[in-house]
Amino acid sequence: MNDCLFCRIVAGTIPATLVHEDEESVAFEDISPQAPTHTLVIPRRHMESLKGIESDDAALIGRLMVTASQIAQKKGLESFRTVVNTGAGAGQTVFHLHVHLLGGRAMGWPPG
């Protein structure tokens, strides 16, 4: 999608600080970090959100989480949080599925 910010990052038309790339996903640093570590892990393929995904997408969603965990390990995070906002009411502002990897500080509960 030409108007999707994250699709443009995947295409390389918008610069980002990449920390991971593979055939199915890209990870980059959030430009407005909410923690000392705030990395976004996204599928290369445009998917709006978790809402409406199909069972065929289960393996990809799992790989995004594995990628987030591997990045956390590489960054030396002892503890971290992964967040997937789905829909505007949940705080999703870019409508391309993404996993927030947050760490480097204590996280409160409940979030939000």
Protein backbone atom coordinates (compact mmCIF):
# COMPACT_ATOMS: atom_id res chain seq x y z
CA MET A 1 0.00 0.00 0.00
CA ASN A 2 1.56 3.25 -1.16
CA ASP A 3 0.03 5.37 1.61
CA CYS A 4 1.06 3.05 4.47
CA LEU A 5 3.98 4.42 6.46
CA PHE A 6 5.29 0.98 7.39
CA CYS A 7 4.95 -0.35 3.82
CA ARG A 8 7.09 2.58 2.74
CA ILE A 9 9.70 1.69 5.36
CA VAL A 10 9.70 -1.90 4.06
CA ALA A 11 10.13 -0.57 0.51
CA GLY A 12 13.02 1.64 1.63
CA THR A 13 11.37 4.92 0.58
CA ILE A 14 11.27 6.18 4.17
CA PRO A 15 14.44 5.81 6.25
CA ALA A 16 14.39 3.87 9.50
CA THR A 17 16.96 2.52 11.91
CA LEU A 18 16.69 -1.16 11.03
CA VAL A 19 17.68 -3.78 13.58
CA HIS A 20 16.44 -6.88 11.73
CA GLU A 21 15.38 -7.97 8.26
CA ASP A 22 14.39 -11.34 6.86
CA GLU A 23 12.14 -12.60 4.07
CA GLU A 24 8.94 -12.01 6.05
CA SER A 25 9.64 -9.25 8.54
CA VAL A 26 11.47 -6.03 9.31
CA ALA A 27 12.27 -4.53 12.71
CA PHE A 28 13.23 -0.94 13.38
CA GLU A 29 13.52 1.54 16.22
CA ASP A 30 10.38 3.54 17.08
CA ILE A 31 10.81 7.26 16.34
CA SER A 32 8.85 8.15 19.48
CA PRO A 33 10.16 5.64 22.04
CA GLN A 34 8.10 4.93 25.14
CA ALA A 35 10.94 3.03 26.85
CA PRO A 36 14.74 2.93 26.55
CA THR A 37 14.23 0.06 24.11
CA HIS A 38 11.27 0.49 21.77
CA THR A 39 11.53 -1.55 18.62
CA LEU A 40 8.75 -2.33 16.15
CA VAL A 41 8.57 -5.72 14.43
CA ILE A 42 6.37 -5.78 11.33
CA PRO A 43 5.48 -8.19 8.55
CA ARG A 44 6.74 -7.17 5.12
CA ARG A 45 3.29 -7.94 3.75
CA HIS A 46 0.65 -5.35 4.58
CA MET A 47 -1.77 -6.58 7.23
CA GLU A 48 -3.90 -3.91 8.86
CA SER A 49 -4.09 -5.43 12.35
CA LEU A 50 -4.80 -8.66 14.22
CA LYS A 51 -8.49 -8.10 13.54
CA GLY A 52 -9.58 -10.31 10.70
CA ILE A 53 -6.39 -12.31 10.29
CA GLU A 54 -6.81 -15.85 9.05
CA SER A 55 -5.48 -19.10 10.48
CA ASP A 56 -3.06 -19.13 7.52
CA ASP A 57 -1.36 -16.15 9.22
CA ALA A 58 -0.66 -17.97 12.49
CA ALA A 59 2.89 -18.99 11.58
CA LEU A 60 3.79 -15.45 10.53
CA ILE A 61 2.37 -13.97 13.74
CA GLY A 62 4.37 -16.51 15.73
CA ARG A 63 7.56 -15.62 13.85
CA LEU A 64 7.03 -11.93 14.62
CA MET A 65 6.96 -12.80 18.32
CA VAL A 66 10.04 -15.01 18.03
CA THR A 67 11.82 -12.18 16.23
CA ALA A 68 10.87 -9.77 19.02
CA SER A 69 12.28 -12.19 21.60
CA GLN A 70 15.51 -12.65 19.65
CA ILE A 71 15.97 -8.88 19.37
CA ALA A 72 15.36 -8.53 23.12
CA GLN A 73 18.06 -11.13 23.77
CA LYS A 74 20.52 -9.35 21.43
CA LYS A 75 19.82 -6.08 23.25
CA GLY A 76 20.50 -7.78 26.60
CA LEU A 77 17.02 -7.24 28.00
CA GLU A 78 16.31 -9.31 31.11
CA SER A 79 12.64 -8.32 31.01
CA PHE A 80 10.55 -6.89 28.21
CA ARG A 81 7.00 -6.36 27.08
CA THR A 82 5.45 -7.07 23.69
CA VAL A 83 2.31 -5.17 22.70
CA VAL A 84 0.05 -5.42 19.67
CA ASN A 85 -2.54 -2.63 19.55
CA THR A 86 -5.56 -3.54 17.44
CA GLY A 87 -7.80 -0.67 16.34
CA ALA A 88 -7.84 3.03 17.12
CA GLY A 89 -9.58 2.49 20.46
CA ALA A 90 -6.65 0.34 21.60
CA GLY A 91 -4.09 2.95 20.54
CA GLN A 92 -3.19 1.72 17.05
CA THR A 93 -2.09 4.75 15.04
CA VAL A 94 -0.39 3.07 12.07
CA PHE A 95 -2.70 0.55 10.47
CA HIS A 96 -0.06 -2.01 9.54
CA LEU A 97 0.25 -4.85 12.04
CA HIS A 98 3.21 -4.31 14.34
CA VAL A 99 4.60 -5.71 17.57
CA HIS A 100 6.03 -3.19 20.02
CA LEU A 101 9.07 -4.53 21.87
CA LEU A 102 9.51 -2.41 25.01
CA GLY A 103 12.22 -2.80 27.63
CA GLY A 104 14.95 -1.20 29.63
CA ARG A 105 12.70 0.07 32.44
CA ALA A 106 10.15 -1.32 34.86
CA MET A 107 6.69 -1.71 33.35
CA GLY A 108 3.56 -1.02 35.38
CA TRP A 109 0.34 -3.02 35.35
CA PRO A 110 -2.27 -2.54 34.17
CA PRO A 111 -0.91 -0.86 31.03
CA GLY A 112 -2.65 2.09 29.43
